[in-house]
Amino acid sequence: MTAASQGPAERVLAQRTRRDSVWARLLRSRASVTGLVLVLVFILLALLAPVFSALTGNSPLSYNSDLLGPDTAPAGPFGGISTQHWFGVEPRTGRDLFAIVSYGAQVSLLIGLAATLVSIVVGVIVGLVAGFYGGFADRLLSRLTDVIFGFPFLIFAIALSATVPASVPRTLLLILVIGFFGWPSIARVVRSETLSLKERGFVRAAAAQGTGSARIIIREIFPNILATIIVFTTVSIPGKIGAEAALSFLGVGVNPPTPSWGRSISDAISWVQVDPMYLIFPGMALFLVTLGFNMFGDGLRDALDPAEARSESAAPIEPVSTGGQP
């Protein structure tokens, strides 16, 4: 039975079966499950940061000079680790390092997720328009994509941070800048798939029925590239988190004393001989959250791969089509 001959109930059942199959393949992969667990751990860490702060009585903005030695390094062993300060304290300030890492997770995840959303929205729109309409629109948007793709992001971000007024929220600025420079990659992928899909029979049939271009894009093409968009989103997030960390490392990220993994790593370099824990904990947090998103994204890509799905079932996967009907 083909997609064209299936009734509504059969199409819903087929879609549900495919969805269950994707989850089954995803959960069979130890790497993807490990990645998902790592991602969830850091999401919970970010969400529960205020709870941990209340339970321990430690704020990332509280300075504790009494916990420092004469050289302003943590007085206790292993960076001042204790039952009250699980990751030790920050040199020079005595701030609780666990609070800095947990609140830093809020900043990194917020900027990473929001910047990815900006990139995906812009890239998908550009790719759909360029691929579907072709002609002048395709040439113009493709040239624009090439220009943005080759633009030196770090140089622009550093220059922009020096010219934007301090009244502009730095978090919002980072989201917009990182997101703006991240859309060309997804735009190229979406354009390529749109060029292929618009020549398929179900799209031509919808056009022959008089269906408008916007409805064809939304109802026929977009559902068939959604899996690609989801996978691209998951593998793009760690890059955005890394970009925020890099800018904070260079001193043009969020303004202090707002916690930031990148700035903590930058500050920790000069203390690595005296207090290596100051470098280890923020560095491990950045490494693990990046690893988690990459592992989960790779597993999700494999689970959504039609070739793998066909290897497990003799039934071919047909494109989702509504026949031009709402």
C-alpha atoms as a PDB file:
ATOM      1  CA  MET A   1       0.000   0.000   0.000  1.00  0.00           C
ATOM      2  CA  THR A   2       1.454   3.364  -1.046  1.00  0.00           C
ATOM      3  CA  ALA A   3       1.056   6.712   0.690  1.00  0.00           C
ATOM      4  CA  ALA A   4      -1.372   7.823  -2.012  1.00  0.00           C
ATOM      5  CA  SER A   5      -3.719   4.867  -1.450  1.00  0.00           C
ATOM      6  CA  GLN A   6      -3.648   4.977   2.350  1.00  0.00           C
ATOM      7  CA  GLY A   7      -6.562   6.429   4.221  1.00  0.00           C
ATOM      8  CA  PRO A   8      -6.140   8.858   7.140  1.00  0.00           C
ATOM      9  CA  ALA A   9      -6.160   6.061   9.729  1.00  0.00           C
ATOM     10  CA  GLU A  10      -3.536   4.064   7.839  1.00  0.00           C
ATOM     11  CA  ARG A  11      -1.293   7.131   7.430  1.00  0.00           C
ATOM     12  CA  VAL A  12      -1.502   7.915  11.145  1.00  0.00           C
ATOM     13  CA  LEU A  13      -0.674   4.289  11.989  1.00  0.00           C
ATOM     14  CA  ALA A  14       2.255   4.280   9.553  1.00  0.00           C
ATOM     15  CA  GLN A  15       3.634   7.521  10.998  1.00  0.00           C
ATOM     16  CA  ARG A  16       3.273   6.179  14.547  1.00  0.00           C
ATOM     17  CA  THR A  17       5.052   2.965  13.556  1.00  0.00           C
ATOM     18  CA  ARG A  18       7.929   4.934  12.022  1.00  0.00           C
ATOM     19  CA  ARG A  19       8.151   7.114  15.132  1.00  0.00           C
ATOM     20  CA  ASP A  20       8.253   4.077  17.426  1.00  0.00           C
ATOM     21  CA  SER A  21      10.913   2.512  15.197  1.00  0.00           C
ATOM     22  CA  VAL A  22      13.062   5.648  15.424  1.00  0.00           C
ATOM     23  CA  TRP A  23      12.875   5.639  19.224  1.00  0.00           C
ATOM     24  CA  ALA A  24      13.664   1.917  19.321  1.00  0.00           C
ATOM     25  CA  ARG A  25      16.786   2.382  17.169  1.00  0.00           C
ATOM     26  CA  LEU A  26      17.815   5.439  19.182  1.00  0.00           C
ATOM     27  CA  LEU A  27      17.511   3.678  22.532  1.00  0.00           C
ATOM     28  CA  ARG A  28      19.438   0.641  21.272  1.00  0.00           C
ATOM     29  CA  SER A  29      22.498   2.823  20.764  1.00  0.00           C
ATOM     30  CA  ARG A  30      24.533   3.091  23.954  1.00  0.00           C
ATOM     31  CA  ALA A  31      26.324   6.160  22.633  1.00  0.00           C
ATOM     32  CA  SER A  32      23.107   8.070  21.945  1.00  0.00           C
ATOM     33  CA  VAL A  33      21.620   7.092  25.317  1.00  0.00           C
ATOM     34  CA  THR A  34      24.826   8.178  27.058  1.00  0.00           C
ATOM     35  CA  GLY A  35      24.708  11.476  25.187  1.00  0.00           C
ATOM     36  CA  LEU A  36      21.062  11.998  26.119  1.00  0.00           C
ATOM     37  CA  VAL A  37      21.826  11.313  29.789  1.00  0.00           C
ATOM     38  CA  LEU A  38      24.698  13.826  29.756  1.00  0.00           C
ATOM     39  CA  VAL A  39      22.482  16.470  28.155  1.00  0.00           C
ATOM     40  CA  LEU A  40      19.697  15.877  30.685  1.00  0.00           C
ATOM     41  CA  VAL A  41      22.173  16.060  33.584  1.00  0.00           C
ATOM     42  CA  PHE A  42      23.354  19.508  32.520  1.00  0.00           C
ATOM     43  CA  ILE A  43      19.822  20.713  31.833  1.00  0.00           C
ATOM     44  CA  LEU A  44      18.847  19.638  35.354  1.00  0.00           C
ATOM     45  CA  LEU A  45      22.009  21.242  36.746  1.00  0.00           C
ATOM     46  CA  ALA A  46      21.050  24.537  35.109  1.00  0.00           C
ATOM     47  CA  LEU A  47      17.408  24.355  36.213  1.00  0.00           C
ATOM     48  CA  LEU A  48      18.262  23.355  39.780  1.00  0.00           C
ATOM     49  CA  ALA A  49      21.113  25.844  40.237  1.00  0.00           C
ATOM     50  CA  PRO A  50      18.988  28.119  42.489  1.00  0.00           C
ATOM     51  CA  VAL A  51      17.917  25.073  44.530  1.00  0.00           C
ATOM     52  CA  PHE A  52      21.512  23.953  45.061  1.00  0.00           C
ATOM     53  CA  SER A  53      22.450  27.521  45.943  1.00  0.00           C
ATOM     54  CA  ALA A  54      19.707  27.679  48.572  1.00  0.00           C
ATOM     55  CA  LEU A  55      20.598  24.272  50.022  1.00  0.00           C
ATOM     56  CA  THR A  56      24.316  24.989  50.330  1.00  0.00           C
ATOM     57  CA  GLY A  57      23.998  28.682  51.112  1.00  0.00           C
ATOM     58  CA  ASN A  58      26.473  29.477  48.342  1.00  0.00           C
ATOM     59  CA  SER A  59      25.809  32.104  45.699  1.00  0.00           C
ATOM     60  CA  PRO A  60      27.998  32.647  42.632  1.00  0.00           C
ATOM     61  CA  LEU A  61      28.082  36.322  43.597  1.00  0.00           C
ATOM     62  CA  SER A  62      29.132  35.804  47.236  1.00  0.00           C
ATOM     63  CA  TYR A  63      32.785  36.586  47.978  1.00  0.00           C
ATOM     64  CA  ASN A  64      34.500  34.656  50.790  1.00  0.00           C
ATOM     65  CA  SER A  65      37.970  36.052  51.408  1.00  0.00           C
ATOM     66  CA  ASP A  66      38.222  34.015  54.624  1.00  0.00           C
ATOM     67  CA  LEU A  67      38.520  30.863  52.489  1.00  0.00           C
ATOM     68  CA  LEU A  68      41.675  32.147  50.788  1.00  0.00           C
ATOM     69  CA  GLY A  69      45.294  31.958  51.821  1.00  0.00           C
ATOM     70  CA  PRO A  70      47.798  34.830  51.893  1.00  0.00           C
ATOM     71  CA  ASP A  71      48.472  34.355  48.174  1.00  0.00           C
ATOM     72  CA  THR A  72      44.683  34.564  47.438  1.00  0.00           C
ATOM     73  CA  ALA A  73      44.672  30.887  46.437  1.00  0.00           C
ATOM     74  CA  PRO A  74      42.129  28.567  48.127  1.00  0.00           C
ATOM     75  CA  ALA A  75      43.301  27.767  51.636  1.00  0.00           C
ATOM     76  CA  GLY A  76      42.127  24.145  51.737  1.00  0.00           C
ATOM     77  CA  PRO A  77      43.428  21.146  49.777  1.00  0.00           C
ATOM     78  CA  PHE A  78      42.294  20.448  46.206  1.00  0.00           C
ATOM     79  CA  GLY A  79      41.143  23.990  45.618  1.00  0.00           C
ATOM     80  CA  GLY A  80      39.225  24.234  48.883  1.00  0.00           C
ATOM     81  CA  ILE A  81      36.935  21.237  48.285  1.00  0.00           C
ATOM     82  CA  SER A  82      34.803  20.523  51.351  1.00  0.00           C
ATOM     83  CA  THR A  83      31.324  19.373  52.325  1.00  0.00           C
ATOM     84  CA  GLN A  84      30.150  22.967  51.958  1.00  0.00           C
ATOM     85  CA  HIS A  85      32.047  23.725  48.753  1.00  0.00           C
ATOM     86  CA  TRP A  86      31.775  20.621  46.549  1.00  0.00           C
ATOM     87  CA  PHE A  87      34.030  21.912  43.765  1.00  0.00           C
ATOM     88  CA  GLY A  88      36.165  24.154  45.963  1.00  0.00           C
ATOM     89  CA  VAL A  89      36.333  27.936  45.661  1.00  0.00           C
ATOM     90  CA  GLU A  90      37.558  30.429  43.100  1.00  0.00           C
ATOM     91  CA  PRO A  91      41.005  31.996  43.634  1.00  0.00           C
ATOM     92  CA  ARG A  92      41.104  35.716  44.461  1.00  0.00           C
ATOM     93  CA  THR A  93      37.369  35.884  45.296  1.00  0.00           C
ATOM     94  CA  GLY A  94      36.532  32.759  47.284  1.00  0.00           C
ATOM     95  CA  ARG A  95      33.305  32.301  45.330  1.00  0.00           C
ATOM     96  CA  ASP A  96      31.864  28.782  45.396  1.00  0.00           C
ATOM     97  CA  LEU A  97      33.018  26.978  42.241  1.00  0.00           C
ATOM     98  CA  PHE A  98      30.042  24.607  42.103  1.00  0.00           C
ATOM     99  CA  ALA A  99      27.702  27.609  42.077  1.00  0.00           C
ATOM    100  CA  ILE A 100      29.775  29.177  39.292  1.00  0.00           C
ATOM    101  CA  VAL A 101      29.632  25.972  37.214  1.00  0.00           C
ATOM    102  CA  SER A 102      25.903  25.389  37.773  1.00  0.00           C
ATOM    103  CA  TYR A 103      24.895  28.980  37.029  1.00  0.00           C
ATOM    104  CA  GLY A 104      27.357  28.963  34.145  1.00  0.00           C
ATOM    105  CA  ALA A 105      25.366  26.038  32.734  1.00  0.00           C
ATOM    106  CA  GLN A 106      22.343  28.344  32.623  1.00  0.00           C
ATOM    107  CA  VAL A 107      24.256  30.912  30.591  1.00  0.00           C
ATOM    108  CA  SER A 108      25.837  28.385  28.221  1.00  0.00           C
ATOM    109  CA  LEU A 109      22.632  26.434  27.569  1.00  0.00           C
ATOM    110  CA  LEU A 110      20.505  29.564  27.193  1.00  0.00           C
ATOM    111  CA  ILE A 111      22.860  31.135  24.666  1.00  0.00           C
ATOM    112  CA  GLY A 112      23.525  27.819  22.909  1.00  0.00           C
ATOM    113  CA  LEU A 113      19.862  26.865  22.525  1.00  0.00           C
ATOM    114  CA  ALA A 114      18.610  30.352  21.663  1.00  0.00           C
ATOM    115  CA  ALA A 115      21.393  31.014  19.144  1.00  0.00           C
ATOM    116  CA  THR A 116      20.718  27.636  17.538  1.00  0.00           C
ATOM    117  CA  LEU A 117      17.028  28.518  17.266  1.00  0.00           C
ATOM    118  CA  VAL A 118      17.910  31.791  15.528  1.00  0.00           C
ATOM    119  CA  SER A 119      20.222  29.967  13.109  1.00  0.00           C
ATOM    120  CA  ILE A 120      17.695  27.236  12.338  1.00  0.00           C
ATOM    121  CA  VAL A 121      14.787  29.627  11.728  1.00  0.00           C
ATOM    122  CA  VAL A 122      16.801  31.884   9.409  1.00  0.00           C
ATOM    123  CA  GLY A 123      18.557  29.007   7.654  1.00  0.00           C
ATOM    124  CA  VAL A 124      15.394  26.985   7.041  1.00  0.00           C
ATOM    125  CA  ILE A 125      13.536  29.979   5.607  1.00  0.00           C
ATOM    126  CA  VAL A 126      16.450  30.931   3.345  1.00  0.00           C
ATOM    127  CA  GLY A 127      16.981  27.333   2.214  1.00  0.00           C
ATOM    128  CA  LEU A 128      13.300  26.708   1.471  1.00  0.00           C
ATOM    129  CA  VAL A 129      12.885  29.932  -0.502  1.00  0.00           C
ATOM    130  CA  ALA A 130      16.114  29.467  -2.472  1.00  0.00           C
ATOM    131  CA  GLY A 131      15.489  25.814  -3.243  1.00  0.00           C
ATOM    132  CA  PHE A 132      11.796  26.051  -4.105  1.00  0.00           C
ATOM    133  CA  TYR A 133      11.662  29.238  -6.155  1.00  0.00           C
ATOM    134  CA  GLY A 134      15.089  28.968  -7.812  1.00  0.00           C
ATOM    135  CA  GLY A 135      16.107  31.549 -10.386  1.00  0.00           C
ATOM    136  CA  PHE A 136      17.053  35.007  -9.146  1.00  0.00           C
ATOM    137  CA  ALA A 137      15.972  34.264  -5.567  1.00  0.00           C
ATOM    138  CA  ASP A 138      18.223  31.209  -5.468  1.00  0.00           C
ATOM    139  CA  ARG A 139      21.222  33.053  -6.917  1.00  0.00           C
ATOM    140  CA  LEU A 140      20.809  36.011  -4.560  1.00  0.00           C
ATOM    141  CA  LEU A 141      20.325  33.931  -1.411  1.00  0.00           C
ATOM    142  CA  SER A 142      23.109  31.523  -2.363  1.00  0.00           C
ATOM    143  CA  ARG A 143      25.577  34.405  -2.778  1.00  0.00           C
ATOM    144  CA  LEU A 144      24.453  35.868   0.551  1.00  0.00           C
ATOM    145  CA  THR A 145      24.949  32.472   2.174  1.00  0.00           C
ATOM    146  CA  ASP A 146      28.478  32.234   0.771  1.00  0.00           C
ATOM    147  CA  VAL A 147      29.353  35.721   2.052  1.00  0.00           C
ATOM    148  CA  ILE A 148      28.098  35.061   5.587  1.00  0.00           C
ATOM    149  CA  PHE A 149      29.688  31.604   5.625  1.00  0.00           C
ATOM    150  CA  GLY A 150      33.111  33.044   4.821  1.00  0.00           C
ATOM    151  CA  PHE A 151      32.865  36.021   7.178  1.00  0.00           C
ATOM    152  CA  PRO A 152      35.395  36.047  10.077  1.00  0.00           C
ATOM    153  CA  PHE A 153      33.013  35.506  12.979  1.00  0.00           C
ATOM    154  CA  LEU A 154      35.425  36.035  15.880  1.00  0.00           C
ATOM    155  CA  ILE A 155      36.837  39.284  14.487  1.00  0.00           C
ATOM    156  CA  PHE A 156      33.347  40.658  13.921  1.00  0.00           C
ATOM    157  CA  ALA A 157      32.169  39.620  17.392  1.00  0.00           C
ATOM    158  CA  ILE A 158      35.168  41.220  19.097  1.00  0.00           C
ATOM    159  CA  ALA A 159      34.745  44.445  17.114  1.00  0.00           C
ATOM    160  CA  LEU A 160      31.006  44.521  17.787  1.00  0.00           C
ATOM    161  CA  SER A 161      31.470  44.104  21.524  1.00  0.00           C
ATOM    162  CA  ALA A 162      33.590  47.262  21.567  1.00  0.00           C
ATOM    163  CA  THR A 163      31.013  49.364  19.710  1.00  0.00           C
ATOM    164  CA  VAL A 164      27.656  48.200  21.087  1.00  0.00           C
ATOM    165  CA  PRO A 165      26.466  50.331  24.038  1.00  0.00           C
ATOM    166  CA  ALA A 166      26.723  48.765  27.467  1.00  0.00           C
ATOM    167  CA  SER A 167      22.963  49.217  27.884  1.00  0.00           C
ATOM    168  CA  VAL A 168      22.352  46.377  25.396  1.00  0.00           C
ATOM    169  CA  PRO A 169      22.062  43.078  27.327  1.00  0.00           C
ATOM    170  CA  ARG A 170      25.197  41.105  26.552  1.00  0.00           C
ATOM    171  CA  THR A 171      23.362  37.776  26.607  1.00  0.00           C
ATOM    172  CA  LEU A 172      20.927  38.990  23.932  1.00  0.00           C
ATOM    173  CA  LEU A 173      23.808  40.364  21.859  1.00  0.00           C
ATOM    174  CA  LEU A 174      25.649  37.032  21.987  1.00  0.00           C
ATOM    175  CA  ILE A 175      22.510  35.120  20.989  1.00  0.00           C
ATOM    176  CA  LEU A 176      21.934  37.340  17.962  1.00  0.00           C
ATOM    177  CA  VAL A 177      25.573  37.438  16.836  1.00  0.00           C
ATOM    178  CA  ILE A 178      26.229  33.703  17.250  1.00  0.00           C
ATOM    179  CA  GLY A 179      22.844  32.834  15.764  1.00  0.00           C
ATOM    180  CA  PHE A 180      23.269  35.154  12.789  1.00  0.00           C
ATOM    181  CA  PHE A 181      26.576  33.620  11.749  1.00  0.00           C
ATOM    182  CA  GLY A 182      25.302  30.062  12.198  1.00  0.00           C
ATOM    183  CA  TRP A 183      22.522  29.870   9.609  1.00  0.00           C
ATOM    184  CA  PRO A 184      24.446  29.349   6.306  1.00  0.00           C
ATOM    185  CA  SER A 185      25.191  25.663   6.988  1.00  0.00           C
ATOM    186  CA  ILE A 186      21.574  24.643   7.542  1.00  0.00           C
ATOM    187  CA  ALA A 187      20.470  26.880   4.654  1.00  0.00           C
ATOM    188  CA  ARG A 188      22.700  24.921   2.264  1.00  0.00           C
ATOM    189  CA  VAL A 189      21.362  21.583   3.498  1.00  0.00           C
ATOM    190  CA  VAL A 190      17.713  22.678   3.320  1.00  0.00           C
ATOM    191  CA  ARG A 191      18.188  24.189  -0.142  1.00  0.00           C
ATOM    192  CA  SER A 192      19.713  20.957  -1.446  1.00  0.00           C
ATOM    193  CA  GLU A 193      16.885  18.802  -0.097  1.00  0.00           C
ATOM    194  CA  THR A 194      14.241  21.240  -1.312  1.00  0.00           C
ATOM    195  CA  LEU A 195      15.685  21.168  -4.832  1.00  0.00           C
ATOM    196  CA  SER A 196      15.333  17.382  -4.793  1.00  0.00           C
ATOM    197  CA  LEU A 197      11.888  17.230  -3.198  1.00  0.00           C
ATOM    198  CA  LYS A 198      10.228  19.782  -5.457  1.00  0.00           C
ATOM    199  CA  GLU A 199      10.786  17.434  -8.406  1.00  0.00           C
ATOM    200  CA  ARG A 200       9.052  14.530  -6.653  1.00  0.00           C
ATOM    201  CA  GLY A 201       5.698  13.299  -7.868  1.00  0.00           C
ATOM    202  CA  PHE A 202       3.695  14.221  -4.774  1.00  0.00           C
ATOM    203  CA  VAL A 203       4.885  17.841  -4.969  1.00  0.00           C
ATOM    204  CA  ARG A 204       4.108  18.049  -8.678  1.00  0.00           C
ATOM    205  CA  ALA A 205       0.675  16.550  -8.014  1.00  0.00           C
ATOM    206  CA  ALA A 206      -0.056  19.189  -5.378  1.00  0.00           C
ATOM    207  CA  ALA A 207       1.016  21.949  -7.782  1.00  0.00           C
ATOM    208  CA  ALA A 208      -1.161  20.455 -10.543  1.00  0.00           C
ATOM    209  CA  GLN A 209      -4.164  20.657  -8.213  1.00  0.00           C
ATOM    210  CA  GLY A 210      -3.641  24.402  -7.942  1.00  0.00           C
ATOM    211  CA  THR A 211      -2.118  24.378  -4.460  1.00  0.00           C
ATOM    212  CA  GLY A 212      -0.274  27.620  -3.684  1.00  0.00           C
ATOM    213  CA  SER A 213       3.495  27.724  -3.316  1.00  0.00           C
ATOM    214  CA  ALA A 214       3.389  28.595   0.379  1.00  0.00           C
ATOM    215  CA  ARG A 215       1.043  25.685   1.125  1.00  0.00           C
ATOM    216  CA  ILE A 216       3.212  23.272  -0.866  1.00  0.00           C
ATOM    217  CA  ILE A 217       6.288  24.370   1.091  1.00  0.00           C
ATOM    218  CA  ILE A 218       4.532  24.049   4.443  1.00  0.00           C
ATOM    219  CA  ARG A 219       2.424  20.931   3.809  1.00  0.00           C
ATOM    220  CA  GLU A 220       4.539  18.906   1.398  1.00  0.00           C
ATOM    221  CA  ILE A 221       8.215  19.866   1.566  1.00  0.00           C
ATOM    222  CA  PHE A 222       8.769  20.960   5.168  1.00  0.00           C
ATOM    223  CA  PRO A 223       7.486  17.700   6.782  1.00  0.00           C
ATOM    224  CA  ASN A 224       9.910  15.712   4.637  1.00  0.00           C
ATOM    225  CA  ILE A 225      12.969  17.716   5.718  1.00  0.00           C
ATOM    226  CA  LEU A 226      11.942  17.972   9.372  1.00  0.00           C
ATOM    227  CA  ALA A 227      14.082  14.990  10.397  1.00  0.00           C
ATOM    228  CA  THR A 228      17.133  16.618   8.817  1.00  0.00           C
ATOM    229  CA  ILE A 229      16.389  19.886  10.622  1.00  0.00           C
ATOM    230  CA  ILE A 230      16.040  18.109  13.979  1.00  0.00           C
ATOM    231  CA  VAL A 231      19.345  16.297  13.552  1.00  0.00           C
ATOM    232  CA  PHE A 232      21.122  19.454  12.400  1.00  0.00           C
ATOM    233  CA  THR A 233      19.741  21.290  15.431  1.00  0.00           C
ATOM    234  CA  THR A 234      21.133  18.786  17.920  1.00  0.00           C
ATOM    235  CA  VAL A 235      24.598  18.747  16.359  1.00  0.00           C
ATOM    236  CA  SER A 236      24.662  22.563  16.082  1.00  0.00           C
ATOM    237  CA  ILE A 237      24.034  23.281  19.764  1.00  0.00           C
ATOM    238  CA  PRO A 238      27.532  22.304  21.013  1.00  0.00           C
ATOM    239  CA  GLY A 239      29.097  24.594  18.422  1.00  0.00           C
ATOM    240  CA  LYS A 240      27.042  27.512  19.703  1.00  0.00           C
ATOM    241  CA  ILE A 241      27.943  26.687  23.316  1.00  0.00           C
ATOM    242  CA  GLY A 242      31.594  26.525  22.286  1.00  0.00           C
ATOM    243  CA  ALA A 243      31.300  29.881  20.511  1.00  0.00           C
ATOM    244  CA  GLU A 244      29.974  31.513  23.689  1.00  0.00           C
ATOM    245  CA  ALA A 245      32.768  29.927  25.707  1.00  0.00           C
ATOM    246  CA  ALA A 246      35.363  31.121  23.181  1.00  0.00           C
ATOM    247  CA  LEU A 247      34.070  34.697  23.282  1.00  0.00           C
ATOM    248  CA  SER A 248      34.008  34.658  27.088  1.00  0.00           C
ATOM    249  CA  PHE A 249      37.523  33.194  27.069  1.00  0.00           C
ATOM    250  CA  LEU A 250      38.633  36.166  24.956  1.00  0.00           C
ATOM    251  CA  GLY A 251      36.915  38.588  27.319  1.00  0.00           C
ATOM    252  CA  VAL A 252      34.036  39.622  25.035  1.00  0.00           C
ATOM    253  CA  GLY A 253      31.356  37.283  26.377  1.00  0.00           C
ATOM    254  CA  VAL A 254      28.886  37.925  29.177  1.00  0.00           C
ATOM    255  CA  ASN A 255      29.833  40.678  31.588  1.00  0.00           C
ATOM    256  CA  PRO A 256      31.345  39.717  34.950  1.00  0.00           C
ATOM    257  CA  PRO A 257      30.418  38.724  37.563  1.00  0.00           C
ATOM    258  CA  THR A 258      27.888  36.679  35.545  1.00  0.00           C
ATOM    259  CA  PRO A 259      29.198  33.085  35.666  1.00  0.00           C
ATOM    260  CA  SER A 260      30.655  31.771  32.419  1.00  0.00           C
ATOM    261  CA  TRP A 261      32.574  28.579  31.761  1.00  0.00           C
ATOM    262  CA  GLY A 262      34.710  30.271  29.129  1.00  0.00           C
ATOM    263  CA  ARG A 263      35.788  33.107  31.396  1.00  0.00           C
ATOM    264  CA  SER A 264      36.457  30.680  34.268  1.00  0.00           C
ATOM    265  CA  ILE A 265      38.715  28.631  31.987  1.00  0.00           C
ATOM    266  CA  SER A 266      40.490  31.796  30.859  1.00  0.00           C
ATOM    267  CA  ASP A 267      41.069  32.929  34.452  1.00  0.00           C
ATOM    268  CA  ALA A 268      42.109  29.433  35.541  1.00  0.00           C
ATOM    269  CA  ILE A 269      45.041  29.251  33.135  1.00  0.00           C
ATOM    270  CA  SER A 270      47.111  31.565  35.311  1.00  0.00           C
ATOM    271  CA  TRP A 271      46.258  29.448  38.394  1.00  0.00           C
ATOM    272  CA  VAL A 272      46.743  25.975  36.952  1.00  0.00           C
ATOM    273  CA  GLN A 273      50.006  25.363  38.851  1.00  0.00           C
ATOM    274  CA  VAL A 274      48.512  26.407  42.195  1.00  0.00           C
ATOM    275  CA  ASP A 275      44.867  25.343  41.837  1.00  0.00           C
ATOM    276  CA  PRO A 276      44.257  22.917  38.934  1.00  0.00           C
ATOM    277  CA  MET A 277      40.694  22.257  40.156  1.00  0.00           C
ATOM    278  CA  TYR A 278      39.737  25.751  39.042  1.00  0.00           C
ATOM    279  CA  LEU A 279      40.470  24.665  35.466  1.00  0.00           C
ATOM    280  CA  ILE A 280      39.285  21.063  35.697  1.00  0.00           C
ATOM    281  CA  PHE A 281      35.658  21.586  36.732  1.00  0.00           C
ATOM    282  CA  PRO A 282      34.603  24.283  34.219  1.00  0.00           C
ATOM    283  CA  GLY A 283      36.662  22.561  31.523  1.00  0.00           C
ATOM    284  CA  MET A 284      35.056  19.183  32.195  1.00  0.00           C
ATOM    285  CA  ALA A 285      31.593  20.758  32.189  1.00  0.00           C
ATOM    286  CA  LEU A 286      32.199  22.305  28.765  1.00  0.00           C
ATOM    287  CA  PHE A 287      33.703  19.070  27.437  1.00  0.00           C
ATOM    288  CA  LEU A 288      30.910  16.820  28.718  1.00  0.00           C
ATOM    289  CA  VAL A 289      27.996  18.954  27.539  1.00  0.00           C
ATOM    290  CA  THR A 290      29.607  19.227  24.098  1.00  0.00           C
ATOM    291  CA  LEU A 291      30.242  15.482  24.027  1.00  0.00           C
ATOM    292  CA  GLY A 292      26.676  14.763  25.133  1.00  0.00           C
ATOM    293  CA  PHE A 293      25.028  16.812  22.399  1.00  0.00           C
ATOM    294  CA  ASN A 294      27.365  15.371  19.750  1.00  0.00           C
ATOM    295  CA  MET A 295      26.757  11.762  20.807  1.00  0.00           C
ATOM    296  CA  PHE A 296      23.000  12.250  20.970  1.00  0.00           C
ATOM    297  CA  GLY A 297      22.958  14.074  17.641  1.00  0.00           C
ATOM    298  CA  ASP A 298      24.940  11.316  15.933  1.00  0.00           C
ATOM    299  CA  GLY A 299      22.619   8.667  17.355  1.00  0.00           C
ATOM    300  CA  LEU A 300      19.546  10.605  16.300  1.00  0.00           C
ATOM    301  CA  ARG A 301      20.943  10.989  12.789  1.00  0.00           C
ATOM    302  CA  ASP A 302      21.501   7.237  12.530  1.00  0.00           C
ATOM    303  CA  ALA A 303      18.036   6.475  13.942  1.00  0.00           C
ATOM    304  CA  LEU A 304      16.380   8.731  11.383  1.00  0.00           C
ATOM    305  CA  ASP A 305      18.456   7.374   8.487  1.00  0.00           C
ATOM    306  CA  PRO A 306      16.037   5.814   5.975  1.00  0.00           C
ATOM    307  CA  ALA A 307      18.713   3.353   4.803  1.00  0.00           C
ATOM    308  CA  GLU A 308      19.011   1.933   8.306  1.00  0.00           C
ATOM    309  CA  ALA A 309      15.260   1.818   8.657  1.00  0.00           C
ATOM    310  CA  ARG A 310      14.929  -0.143   5.416  1.00  0.00           C
ATOM    311  CA  SER A 311      17.565  -2.596   6.583  1.00  0.00           C
ATOM    312  CA  GLU A 312      15.264  -3.500   9.483  1.00  0.00           C
ATOM    313  CA  SER A 313      12.025  -3.631   7.544  1.00  0.00           C
ATOM    314  CA  ALA A 314      11.084  -4.737   4.064  1.00  0.00           C
ATOM    315  CA  ALA A 315       8.463  -2.011   3.790  1.00  0.00           C
ATOM    316  CA  PRO A 316       9.826   1.148   2.101  1.00  0.00           C
ATOM    317  CA  ILE A 317       9.419   4.509   3.788  1.00  0.00           C
ATOM    318  CA  GLU A 318       7.275   6.753   1.605  1.00  0.00           C
ATOM    319  CA  PRO A 319       7.377  10.559   1.816  1.00  0.00           C
ATOM    320  CA  VAL A 320       4.638  12.070   3.928  1.00  0.00           C
ATOM    321  CA  SER A 321       2.128  13.682   1.582  1.00  0.00           C
ATOM    322  CA  THR A 322      -1.237  15.280   2.172  1.00  0.00           C
ATOM    323  CA  GLY A 323      -2.044  15.494  -1.511  1.00  0.00           C
ATOM    324  CA  GLY A 324      -2.265  19.286  -1.309  1.00  0.00           C
ATOM    325  CA  GLN A 325      -5.184  19.096   1.127  1.00  0.00           C
ATOM    326  CA  PRO A 326      -5.184  21.009   4.439  1.00  0.00           C
END
